[in-house]
Amino acid sequence: MPGTYSQVLLHIVFSTKERRSWLRPEVAEKLYPYLGGIVRGNKGTLYAIGGAEDHVHLYLRWRTDEAISDLMRVMKSDSSKWVHDTFPDLQSFAWQTGYAVFSVSKSQEGAVKRYIEGQAEHHPRIDFKSEPLRSLRAHEIEFDERYVFE
């Protein structure tokens, strides 16, 4: 086959440092488009973005010739600088070191998009520690709970 064809769909979740509530609505409404620009600038396609005051969910299509870790490094470093420059009161803003990434089947795309778009309604009912633990267990990812919320 002369070309490369792929459908690498990912659900990525990452948190603010110490799960601090830095992503208040006035920050998120500007930050989300900025994060989308980073994805597009790195030749990915963002399909959905949402979150709560302490974390972000992205659903995107990614490339086969670039590591997810490279995208995450650029996304976190560039967006941290942008937050510091755009919101002077958030000079201590930072992202948590790690992230979670899950592959998504095209058949589950609608469910993932609805889940991400419903984050604002979802989080008042769900404890912030329950969601990541439930996701890791559902995807059968081995983890040590002591380090999930560092």
Protein backbone atom coordinates (compact mmCIF):
# COMPACT_ATOMS: atom_id res chain seq x y z
CA MET A 1 0.00 0.00 0.00
CA PRO A 2 1.67 3.27 -1.03
CA GLY A 3 0.08 5.49 1.63
CA THR A 4 -0.51 5.44 5.36
CA TYR A 5 -4.13 5.34 6.47
CA SER A 6 -5.14 5.56 10.07
CA GLN A 7 -7.93 6.38 12.47
CA VAL A 8 -6.14 6.93 15.78
CA LEU A 9 -8.87 8.31 18.04
CA LEU A 10 -7.93 9.24 21.60
CA HIS A 11 -9.65 10.41 24.77
CA ILE A 12 -7.04 12.30 26.81
CA VAL A 13 -7.53 13.57 30.35
CA PHE A 14 -5.13 15.70 32.35
CA SER A 15 -5.39 17.69 35.55
CA THR A 16 -4.18 20.87 37.11
CA LYS A 17 -1.40 20.50 39.64
CA GLU A 18 -2.75 19.19 42.94
CA ARG A 19 -6.20 19.22 41.27
CA ARG A 20 -6.52 22.92 42.05
CA SER A 21 -9.65 24.67 40.73
CA TRP A 22 -7.83 27.05 38.38
CA LEU A 23 -9.98 26.44 35.30
CA ARG A 24 -12.89 28.64 36.26
CA PRO A 25 -15.33 29.41 33.39
CA GLU A 26 -13.64 32.64 32.25
CA VAL A 27 -10.32 30.77 31.96
CA ALA A 28 -11.74 27.63 30.33
CA GLU A 29 -13.67 29.55 27.65
CA LYS A 30 -10.36 30.98 26.41
CA LEU A 31 -8.11 28.03 27.24
CA TYR A 32 -10.10 25.38 25.37
CA PRO A 33 -9.78 27.10 21.96
CA TYR A 34 -6.08 27.63 22.67
CA LEU A 35 -5.62 23.90 23.38
CA GLY A 36 -7.51 23.12 20.17
CA GLY A 37 -5.07 25.34 18.30
CA ILE A 38 -2.17 23.38 19.73
CA VAL A 39 -3.72 20.12 18.52
CA ARG A 40 -4.32 21.58 15.03
CA GLY A 41 -0.84 23.14 14.97
CA ASN A 42 0.58 19.68 15.54
CA LYS A 43 -1.51 18.20 12.70
CA GLY A 44 -4.15 16.58 14.87
CA THR A 45 -7.92 17.10 14.79
CA LEU A 46 -9.83 18.05 17.93
CA TYR A 47 -13.40 16.73 18.00
CA ALA A 48 -14.46 17.63 21.56
CA ILE A 49 -13.07 19.38 24.62
CA GLY A 50 -14.53 19.93 28.06
CA GLY A 51 -13.80 19.52 31.70
CA ALA A 52 -14.17 20.91 35.16
CA GLU A 53 -12.23 23.48 37.16
CA ASP A 54 -9.44 20.99 37.86
CA HIS A 55 -9.10 18.91 34.67
CA VAL A 56 -9.58 18.78 30.90
CA HIS A 57 -10.89 16.06 28.57
CA LEU A 58 -10.01 16.03 24.86
CA TYR A 59 -11.28 13.74 22.14
CA LEU A 60 -9.04 13.93 19.11
CA ARG A 61 -7.61 12.21 16.09
CA TRP A 62 -3.85 11.84 16.23
CA ARG A 63 -1.09 11.12 13.74
CA THR A 64 0.89 7.92 13.27
CA ASP A 65 4.24 9.70 12.92
CA GLU A 66 4.30 11.56 16.23
CA ALA A 67 4.23 10.33 19.82
CA ILE A 68 1.31 11.23 22.07
CA SER A 69 3.84 12.15 24.74
CA ASP A 70 5.27 14.82 22.42
CA LEU A 71 1.82 16.33 21.94
CA MET A 72 1.23 16.34 25.69
CA ARG A 73 4.60 17.95 26.44
CA VAL A 74 3.92 20.75 23.94
CA MET A 75 0.30 21.14 25.02
CA LYS A 76 1.12 21.46 28.72
CA SER A 77 4.17 23.72 28.36
CA ASP A 78 2.66 26.06 25.76
CA SER A 79 -0.70 26.33 27.52
CA SER A 80 0.95 26.95 30.92
CA LYS A 81 2.91 29.86 29.48
CA TRP A 82 -0.25 31.13 27.77
CA VAL A 83 -2.23 30.98 31.05
CA HIS A 84 0.54 32.88 32.87
CA ASP A 85 0.64 35.55 30.12
CA THR A 86 -3.15 35.85 29.76
CA PHE A 87 -4.22 35.66 33.42
CA PRO A 88 -1.74 37.53 35.66
CA ASP A 89 -3.52 36.27 38.79
CA LEU A 90 -2.65 32.65 37.82
CA GLN A 91 1.15 32.86 37.96
CA SER A 92 1.28 29.67 40.06
CA PHE A 93 -0.84 27.74 37.53
CA ALA A 94 0.60 24.38 36.46
CA TRP A 95 -0.53 21.05 35.07
CA GLN A 96 -0.13 17.77 36.92
CA THR A 97 2.80 15.76 35.54
CA GLY A 98 0.90 12.82 34.10
CA TYR A 99 -2.15 12.23 31.95
CA ALA A 100 -4.50 9.43 30.95
CA VAL A 101 -5.00 8.44 27.33
CA PHE A 102 -7.54 5.92 26.08
CA SER A 103 -8.05 4.63 22.56
CA VAL A 104 -11.57 5.14 21.23
CA SER A 105 -13.42 2.99 18.73
CA LYS A 106 -15.22 5.00 16.04
CA SER A 107 -18.39 3.19 17.11
CA GLN A 108 -18.09 4.83 20.56
CA GLU A 109 -17.43 8.33 19.28
CA GLY A 110 -20.91 9.66 20.11
CA ALA A 111 -20.74 8.39 23.69
CA VAL A 112 -17.29 9.90 24.24
CA LYS A 113 -18.35 13.26 22.82
CA ARG A 114 -21.48 13.34 24.98
CA TYR A 115 -19.43 12.42 28.05
CA ILE A 116 -16.92 15.22 27.41
CA GLU A 117 -19.56 17.80 26.53
CA GLY A 118 -21.52 16.90 29.68
CA GLN A 119 -18.68 17.50 32.12
CA ALA A 120 -20.23 20.63 33.66
CA GLU A 121 -23.40 18.72 34.56
CA HIS A 122 -21.53 15.54 35.47
CA HIS A 123 -19.13 16.90 38.08
CA PRO A 124 -21.46 18.34 40.67
CA ARG A 125 -22.74 14.76 41.15
CA ILE A 126 -19.43 12.86 40.94
CA ASP A 127 -16.57 13.15 43.43
CA PHE A 128 -13.40 14.31 41.66
CA LYS A 129 -11.49 11.18 42.71
CA SER A 130 -14.14 8.74 41.52
CA GLU A 131 -14.00 9.65 37.83
CA PRO A 132 -10.33 8.90 37.07
CA LEU A 133 -10.34 5.72 39.16
CA ARG A 134 -13.48 4.49 37.41
CA SER A 135 -11.96 5.24 33.98
CA LEU A 136 -8.71 3.45 34.76
CA ARG A 137 -10.59 0.41 36.04
CA ALA A 138 -12.99 0.37 33.07
CA HIS A 139 -10.04 0.32 30.68
CA GLU A 140 -8.30 -2.34 32.80
CA ILE A 141 -5.22 -0.16 33.31
CA GLU A 142 -2.98 -1.20 36.19
CA PHE A 143 -2.23 1.65 38.60
CA ASP A 144 -1.26 2.42 42.16
CA GLU A 145 -3.93 4.65 43.67
CA ARG A 146 -1.30 6.39 45.84
CA TYR A 147 0.13 8.07 42.73
CA VAL A 148 -3.01 8.93 40.76
CA PHE A 149 -3.60 12.23 42.59
CA GLU A 150 -0.05 13.48 43.13
